[in-house]
Protein backbone atom coordinates (compact mmCIF):
# COMPACT_ATOMS: atom_id res chain seq x y z
CA UNK A 1 -8.68 193.23 -203.92
CA UNK A 2 -9.19 189.64 -204.98
CA UNK A 3 -12.61 188.17 -204.25
CA UNK A 4 -10.98 185.03 -202.86
CA UNK A 5 -7.41 184.88 -201.56
CA UNK A 6 -4.51 183.10 -203.20
CA UNK A 7 -3.56 180.46 -200.66
CA UNK A 8 -0.25 178.67 -200.22
CA UNK A 9 -0.73 175.36 -198.44
CA UNK A 10 1.64 173.00 -196.73
CA UNK A 11 0.35 169.45 -196.39
CA UNK A 12 -2.41 169.76 -198.99
CA UNK A 13 -1.49 166.32 -200.33
CA UNK A 14 -2.23 164.77 -196.92
CA UNK A 15 -5.42 163.10 -195.71
CA UNK A 16 -7.15 166.30 -194.61
CA UNK A 17 -5.77 168.44 -197.44
CA UNK A 18 -7.13 166.18 -200.16
CA UNK A 19 -10.57 166.44 -198.58
CA UNK A 20 -10.41 170.24 -198.71
CA UNK A 21 -9.45 170.50 -202.38
CA UNK A 22 -13.01 170.11 -203.82
CA UNK A 23 -14.31 172.91 -201.58
CA UNK A 24 -11.42 175.21 -202.51
CA UNK A 25 -11.92 174.63 -206.23
CA UNK A 26 -15.68 175.07 -205.97
CA UNK A 27 -15.12 178.51 -204.44
CA UNK A 28 -12.56 179.44 -207.13
CA UNK A 29 -9.58 179.84 -204.83
CA UNK A 30 -6.19 179.93 -206.52
CA UNK A 31 -4.37 177.08 -204.82
CA UNK A 32 -0.65 176.60 -204.31
CA UNK A 33 0.89 173.75 -202.37
CA UNK A 34 4.33 172.71 -201.25
CA UNK A 35 5.29 169.08 -201.63
CA UNK A 36 8.41 167.04 -200.94
CA UNK A 37 8.00 163.78 -202.86
CA UNK A 38 6.59 163.10 -206.32
CA UNK A 39 4.52 160.24 -204.91
CA UNK A 40 2.46 162.79 -202.97
CA UNK A 41 1.01 164.15 -206.20
CA UNK A 42 -0.30 160.73 -207.19
CA UNK A 43 -2.62 160.86 -204.18
CA UNK A 44 -4.54 163.86 -205.55
CA UNK A 45 -7.68 163.14 -207.52
CA UNK A 46 -6.97 163.40 -211.27
CA UNK A 47 -9.96 165.73 -211.60
CA UNK A 48 -8.16 168.35 -209.52
CA UNK A 49 -4.47 167.79 -210.27
CA UNK A 50 -4.28 170.51 -212.95
CA UNK A 51 -6.10 173.08 -210.88
CA UNK A 52 -3.35 173.26 -208.27
CA UNK A 53 0.03 174.99 -208.51
CA UNK A 54 2.94 173.02 -207.07
CA UNK A 55 6.21 174.05 -205.42
CA UNK A 56 8.67 171.30 -204.59
CA UNK A 57 10.89 171.81 -201.55
CA UNK A 58 11.83 170.31 -198.19
CA UNK A 59 10.49 172.57 -195.46
CA UNK A 60 12.75 170.94 -192.89
CA UNK A 61 15.76 172.34 -194.73
CA UNK A 62 15.85 176.08 -194.19
CA UNK A 63 17.87 176.84 -197.34
CA UNK A 64 15.62 174.65 -199.49
CA UNK A 65 12.61 176.61 -198.27
CA UNK A 66 14.03 179.68 -200.01
CA UNK A 67 12.92 178.10 -203.30
CA UNK A 68 9.41 179.24 -202.44
CA UNK A 69 10.39 182.90 -202.64
CA UNK A 70 12.29 182.49 -205.90
CA UNK A 71 9.45 180.63 -207.63
CA UNK A 72 6.77 183.09 -206.52
CA UNK A 73 8.86 186.10 -207.53
CA UNK A 74 9.76 184.57 -210.89
CA UNK A 75 6.09 183.98 -211.70
CA UNK A 76 5.02 187.29 -210.14
CA UNK A 77 2.52 185.57 -207.87
CA UNK A 78 0.95 187.33 -204.87
CA UNK A 79 0.02 185.07 -201.97
CA UNK A 80 -2.56 186.25 -199.42
CA UNK A 81 -2.54 183.40 -196.93
CA UNK A 82 -0.36 180.52 -195.77
CA UNK A 83 -2.33 177.57 -194.39
CA UNK A 84 -0.20 174.96 -192.64
CA UNK A 85 -1.92 171.59 -192.82
CA UNK A 86 1.39 169.73 -192.70
CA UNK A 87 1.60 167.37 -189.74
CA UNK A 88 2.26 163.89 -188.47
CA UNK A 89 1.31 161.67 -185.54
CA UNK A 90 2.97 159.02 -183.39
CA UNK A 91 1.09 156.98 -180.82
CA UNK A 92 3.64 155.87 -178.23
CA UNK A 93 3.74 156.36 -174.48
CA UNK A 94 6.56 158.32 -172.88
CA UNK A 95 8.19 155.25 -171.34
CA UNK A 96 8.68 153.64 -174.75
CA UNK A 97 9.43 156.82 -176.68
CA UNK A 98 12.90 157.65 -177.89
CA UNK A 99 14.47 161.02 -178.57
CA UNK A 100 14.11 160.23 -182.27
CA UNK A 101 10.32 160.14 -181.87
CA UNK A 102 10.31 163.64 -180.41
CA UNK A 103 12.71 164.91 -183.08
CA UNK A 104 10.51 163.45 -185.82
CA UNK A 105 7.37 165.10 -184.43
CA UNK A 106 9.12 168.43 -183.93
CA UNK A 107 10.47 168.37 -187.49
CA UNK A 108 7.05 167.66 -189.00
CA UNK A 109 4.76 169.64 -186.71
CA UNK A 110 7.00 172.52 -185.66
CA UNK A 111 10.17 173.20 -187.63
CA UNK A 112 8.57 172.86 -191.07
CA UNK A 113 6.06 175.53 -190.08
CA UNK A 114 8.71 177.65 -188.40
CA UNK A 115 10.80 177.69 -191.58
CA UNK A 116 7.99 178.81 -193.88
CA UNK A 117 6.73 181.31 -191.30
CA UNK A 118 10.13 183.00 -191.26
CA UNK A 119 9.66 183.63 -194.98
CA UNK A 120 6.09 184.89 -194.65
CA UNK A 121 7.05 188.58 -194.74
CA UNK A 122 8.30 188.06 -198.31
CA UNK A 123 5.74 185.43 -199.35
CA UNK A 124 2.84 187.69 -198.34
CA UNK A 125 4.48 191.01 -199.18
CA UNK A 126 2.12 191.87 -202.08
CA UNK A 127 -1.11 191.11 -200.24
CA UNK A 128 -3.48 193.58 -198.58
CA UNK A 129 -4.94 190.89 -196.32
CA UNK A 130 -2.02 188.82 -195.00
CA UNK A 131 -2.84 185.75 -192.98
CA UNK A 132 -1.25 182.60 -191.55
CA UNK A 133 -3.31 179.69 -190.24
CA UNK A 134 -1.87 176.80 -188.24
CA UNK A 135 -3.65 173.59 -187.25
CA UNK A 136 -3.59 172.56 -183.60
CA UNK A 137 -4.78 169.56 -181.62
CA UNK A 138 -6.54 169.62 -178.24
CA UNK A 139 -3.60 167.49 -177.07
CA UNK A 140 -1.49 170.64 -177.18
CA UNK A 141 -3.40 171.78 -174.09
CA UNK A 142 -4.52 168.47 -172.59
CA UNK A 143 -2.35 165.45 -173.49
CA UNK A 144 -3.54 161.90 -172.89
CA UNK A 145 -1.61 158.68 -172.53
CA UNK A 146 0.40 157.72 -175.61
CA UNK A 147 0.69 161.10 -177.36
CA UNK A 148 3.64 162.72 -175.55
CA UNK A 149 5.83 163.43 -178.60
CA UNK A 150 2.89 164.61 -180.72
CA UNK A 151 1.41 166.72 -177.93
CA UNK A 152 4.77 168.37 -177.21
CA UNK A 153 5.22 169.35 -180.86
CA UNK A 154 1.71 170.79 -181.10
CA UNK A 155 2.18 172.67 -177.82
CA UNK A 156 5.35 174.18 -179.27
CA UNK A 157 3.41 175.18 -182.40
CA UNK A 158 0.70 176.77 -180.27
CA UNK A 159 3.27 178.84 -178.40
CA UNK A 160 5.01 179.80 -181.66
CA UNK A 161 1.69 180.90 -183.17
CA UNK A 162 1.00 183.18 -180.22
CA UNK A 163 4.45 184.75 -180.54
CA UNK A 164 4.01 185.19 -184.28
CA UNK A 165 0.64 186.88 -183.78
CA UNK A 166 2.36 189.48 -181.62
CA UNK A 167 5.58 189.98 -183.57
CA UNK A 168 4.10 189.86 -187.08
CA UNK A 169 1.66 192.69 -186.43
CA UNK A 170 4.55 194.89 -187.53
CA UNK A 171 4.15 193.38 -191.01
CA UNK A 172 0.31 193.41 -190.96
CA UNK A 173 0.28 189.60 -190.88
CA UNK A 174 -2.47 187.99 -188.85
CA UNK A 175 -1.73 184.59 -187.27
CA UNK A 176 -4.59 182.39 -186.09
CA UNK A 177 -5.07 178.69 -185.37
CA UNK A 178 -7.74 176.07 -185.88
CA UNK A 179 -7.90 173.50 -183.10
CA UNK A 180 -9.90 170.44 -184.09
CA UNK A 181 -11.02 167.25 -182.41
CA UNK A 182 -10.90 164.05 -184.48
CA UNK A 183 -11.45 164.78 -188.19
CA UNK A 184 -13.49 162.44 -190.37
CA UNK A 185 -10.92 161.10 -192.86
CA UNK A 186 -10.38 157.62 -194.28
CA UNK A 187 -7.20 157.06 -192.28
CA UNK A 188 -8.91 157.97 -188.99
CA UNK A 189 -11.84 155.67 -189.76
CA UNK A 190 -9.39 152.87 -190.51
CA UNK A 191 -7.41 153.39 -187.32
CA UNK A 192 -10.48 153.88 -185.09
CA UNK A 193 -13.16 151.65 -186.66
CA UNK A 194 -15.26 151.35 -183.49
CA UNK A 195 -15.74 155.08 -182.97
CA UNK A 196 -18.90 157.02 -183.84
CA UNK A 197 -17.89 158.75 -187.09
CA UNK A 198 -21.00 160.91 -187.11
CA UNK A 199 -19.64 162.91 -184.17
CA UNK A 200 -16.31 163.66 -185.80
CA UNK A 201 -15.37 167.02 -187.29
CA UNK A 202 -16.10 167.09 -191.02
CA UNK A 203 -13.52 168.48 -193.48
CA UNK A 204 -16.07 171.07 -194.62
CA UNK A 205 -15.99 172.52 -191.10
CA UNK A 206 -12.23 172.96 -191.40
CA UNK A 207 -12.76 174.60 -194.79
CA UNK A 208 -15.37 176.97 -193.35
CA UNK A 209 -12.92 178.03 -190.65
CA UNK A 210 -10.18 178.61 -193.23
CA UNK A 211 -12.60 180.58 -195.40
CA UNK A 212 -13.50 182.81 -192.47
CA UNK A 213 -9.94 183.41 -191.25
CA UNK A 214 -8.63 184.31 -194.72
CA UNK A 215 -11.52 186.61 -195.60
CA UNK A 216 -11.84 190.37 -195.40
CA UNK A 217 -14.38 189.87 -192.62
CA UNK A 218 -11.66 188.55 -190.31
CA UNK A 219 -9.12 191.36 -190.73
CA UNK A 220 -9.62 192.23 -187.06
CA UNK A 221 -8.98 188.65 -185.86
CA UNK A 222 -5.42 187.92 -184.74
CA UNK A 223 -3.85 185.55 -182.22
CA UNK A 224 -7.02 183.51 -181.81
CA UNK A 225 -7.72 179.78 -181.70
CA UNK A 226 -10.89 178.64 -183.44
CA UNK A 227 -11.94 175.50 -181.57
CA UNK A 228 -13.90 172.83 -183.42
CA UNK A 229 -15.30 170.23 -181.04
CA UNK A 230 -16.93 166.85 -181.58
CA UNK A 231 -20.58 166.68 -180.60
């Protein structure tokens, strides 16, 4: 049994993901991430770029997602956990939203995760502690004005996660979620400059939750939502 799991991330090149990388490296995790565009890699700190393993594919294209299996099998890599950080946000009220807005949010926040989750039986097949972690928003349960498309996609992901937790028990795969209030990232500070940043969830708190849910200590935890709330 590996001391720390080999983790396959989606969305590690995003705002939250880049904040988690130093913690992951410090704890000697073997990190794999899926990316779609070359420009994403330029966002990662040069100090860490060589310590991450990259798999290029478009998770919104089901057939393209199969590349993940081929690459892992070719390199004989065993993955223990899939952590889905991939996500996007649109702020637009329902009256002014178009179908395209809902489709965009569903593609980013739901279908990309659905496609990789369908492959999880093979991706995690060589692990003795199989785990999937999805990231939720409180808006999935309690939407506010202006987040209809985003909230709908996260609600769909929440429902999917609950179904996966039940159905994937057959494959010894645990499926849990982290639900977080506003996270302290540069983009959130820029978009909400008048808020009290000190009360926001820190990336290290997200890391701690991931560390717990992928560890041997959590082998009995399945179908749960770990809720991180602002003070």
